[in-house]
Protein backbone atom coordinates (compact mmCIF):
# COMPACT_ATOMS: atom_id res chain seq x y z
CA MET A 1 -0.02 -0.05 -0.03
CA GLY A 2 1.28 3.37 -0.87
CA ARG A 3 1.40 6.50 1.30
CA LEU A 4 -1.11 9.26 0.72
CA LYS A 5 0.44 12.32 -0.79
CA TRP A 6 -0.89 14.99 1.51
CA GLY A 7 1.00 17.75 -0.25
CA TRP A 8 -0.82 16.99 -3.49
CA ILE A 9 -4.16 16.86 -1.79
CA GLY A 10 -3.48 20.07 -0.01
CA CYS A 11 -2.75 21.90 -3.24
CA CYS A 12 -6.03 20.54 -4.83
CA VAL A 13 -7.98 21.66 -1.79
CA LEU A 14 -6.34 25.12 -1.74
CA GLY A 15 -6.65 25.48 -5.51
CA SER A 16 -10.38 25.06 -5.18
CA LEU A 17 -10.87 27.79 -2.51
CA PRO A 18 -11.19 30.73 -4.96
CA MET A 19 -13.89 28.91 -6.87
CA ALA A 20 -15.83 28.42 -3.66
CA ALA A 21 -15.45 32.09 -2.86
CA TYR A 22 -17.06 33.04 -6.19
CA ALA A 23 -20.06 30.87 -5.22
CA GLN A 24 -20.80 33.34 -2.47
CA VAL A 25 -21.46 36.25 -4.84
CA PRO A 26 -25.18 37.11 -4.92
CA LEU A 27 -26.92 36.19 -8.16
CA THR A 28 -29.16 38.51 -10.00
CA LEU A 29 -31.51 36.28 -11.86
CA ASN A 30 -32.80 38.93 -14.36
CA PRO A 31 -30.56 42.07 -14.25
CA THR A 32 -32.50 43.74 -17.00
CA ALA A 33 -35.86 43.48 -15.21
CA PRO A 34 -37.02 46.92 -13.95
CA SER A 35 -37.58 47.09 -10.20
CA ALA A 36 -40.52 49.02 -8.94
CA PRO A 37 -39.62 52.44 -7.36
CA ALA A 38 -40.44 52.64 -3.71
CA SER A 39 -43.22 55.15 -4.33
CA ASP A 40 -45.03 52.55 -6.49
CA VAL A 41 -45.11 49.88 -3.74
CA VAL A 42 -48.51 49.74 -2.15
CA GLY A 43 -49.36 48.45 1.28
CA VAL A 44 -47.51 47.02 4.22
CA GLY A 45 -45.69 43.67 3.88
CA ALA A 46 -46.76 40.64 6.07
CA VAL A 47 -45.88 36.99 6.31
CA ASP A 48 -48.33 34.54 7.99
CA MET A 49 -47.19 31.06 9.02
CA ILE A 50 -50.17 28.79 9.62
CA GLN A 51 -50.16 25.17 10.74
CA LEU A 52 -53.28 23.32 9.74
CA HIS A 53 -54.74 21.29 12.63
CA SER A 54 -57.36 19.64 10.43
CA ILE A 55 -58.43 19.70 6.83
CA SER A 56 -59.59 23.28 6.19
CA LEU A 57 -61.39 24.76 3.20
CA SER A 58 -60.16 28.27 4.01
CA VAL A 59 -57.36 29.88 5.87
CA PRO A 60 -57.72 33.42 7.44
CA LEU A 61 -54.84 35.79 7.20
CA ARG A 62 -54.03 38.30 9.94
CA TYR A 63 -54.98 41.25 7.84
CA GLY A 64 -57.68 41.91 5.27
CA ASN A 65 -57.46 44.38 2.36
CA VAL A 66 -54.76 42.31 0.63
CA VAL A 67 -53.26 44.16 -2.30
CA GLU A 68 -54.43 42.37 -5.45
CA GLY A 69 -51.73 40.02 -6.85
CA SER A 70 -49.22 40.65 -4.05
CA GLU A 71 -49.66 37.24 -2.35
CA LEU A 72 -47.43 34.24 -2.60
CA VAL A 73 -48.81 31.06 -1.01
CA PHE A 74 -46.77 28.08 -0.01
CA LEU A 75 -48.09 24.64 1.20
CA ASN A 76 -45.23 22.69 2.83
CA GLY A 77 -42.68 24.71 0.93
CA ARG A 78 -44.25 24.27 -2.46
CA GLN A 79 -45.44 27.46 -4.13
CA LEU A 80 -49.14 27.34 -5.04
CA ARG A 81 -50.64 28.94 -8.20
CA ARG A 82 -53.58 31.33 -7.88
CA GLY A 83 -56.68 29.97 -9.61
CA ASP A 84 -55.26 26.37 -9.82
CA ASP A 85 -54.20 25.67 -6.20
CA TYR A 86 -56.01 28.41 -4.15
CA SER A 87 -58.31 31.34 -4.42
CA ILE A 88 -58.28 34.53 -2.31
CA ASP A 89 -60.81 37.03 -1.06
CA CYS A 90 -58.66 40.15 -0.87
CA ALA A 91 -61.14 42.21 1.06
CA SER A 92 -61.54 39.72 3.98
CA GLY A 93 -58.06 38.07 3.74
CA MET A 94 -59.42 34.54 3.40
CA ILE A 95 -57.46 32.02 1.29
CA SER A 96 -59.36 28.93 0.01
CA LEU A 97 -57.10 25.93 -0.65
CA LEU A 98 -58.11 23.93 -3.70
CA VAL A 99 -55.34 21.21 -3.27
CA PRO A 100 -55.49 18.28 -0.90
CA GLN A 101 -53.89 18.94 2.53
CA ARG A 102 -53.56 17.09 5.81
CA ALA A 103 -53.54 18.02 9.47
CA GLY A 104 -50.00 19.19 10.33
CA ASP A 105 -49.31 20.75 6.99
CA SER A 106 -47.96 24.30 7.01
CA VAL A 107 -49.08 27.24 4.98
CA ARG A 108 -46.86 30.27 4.48
CA VAL A 109 -48.38 33.33 2.92
CA GLN A 110 -46.40 36.40 1.98
CA TYR A 111 -48.57 39.42 1.01
CA ARG A 112 -49.07 43.13 1.17
CA TYR A 113 -52.14 44.79 2.79
CA ASP A 114 -53.49 48.26 2.55
CA LYS A 115 -53.85 49.55 6.13
CA THR A 116 -55.33 52.80 4.98
CA LYS A 117 -58.62 51.01 3.95
CA SER A 118 -61.31 50.21 6.50
CA SER A 119 -60.71 46.86 8.16
CA THR A 120 -64.36 45.90 7.70
CA GLY A 121 -64.71 43.46 4.77
CA THR A 122 -67.99 43.55 2.99
CA SER A 123 -69.43 41.37 0.32
CA GLY A 124 -72.31 42.95 -1.46
CA GLY A 125 -73.21 45.13 1.57
CA ILE A 126 -73.28 42.18 3.98
CA PRO A 127 -70.49 42.12 6.59
CA SER A 128 -68.22 39.15 6.08
CA LEU A 129 -67.66 36.68 9.01
CA ARG A 130 -64.32 35.30 9.99
CA PHE A 131 -63.87 32.30 12.35
CA ASP A 132 -61.26 33.05 15.01
CA LEU A 133 -60.23 29.49 15.81
CA LEU A 134 -56.78 30.36 17.04
CA GLY A 135 -57.85 33.16 19.36
CA ASN A 136 -60.89 32.86 21.60
CA GLY A 137 -62.55 30.25 19.45
CA GLY A 138 -65.59 32.41 18.80
CA LEU A 139 -67.30 33.76 15.75
CA GLY A 140 -66.69 37.43 15.15
CA MET A 141 -67.71 40.04 12.50
CA ILE A 142 -64.91 41.99 10.81
């Protein structure tokens, strides 16, 4: 059996370090895409982490008045598509899941909401209802 040539292995390891350092540079996926100016951004950002305790048709967000199209919904880390996998009532902040789920699954929702609007959601003049299952367990009007 031959001896391991540690000097040769050390040179290979040290030679690969600059390549590893280049991997730490942030990537811009689309450098030509225009970014929205800060004055065009509407609403306040929020992230809700919700663990499903049972199969649920809808998931309430902390805030209503969700800015249309600002939401990103993830089920167990997989991004869902609006219309195919979920629907949202922006006024009340309710997300209806259209895909199978199990108790223990986690839902993460990133969204923007408009805090300048009234917090009372209405649907055709009728106040919408929201179940507060995580709080006091009652049924409340918003």
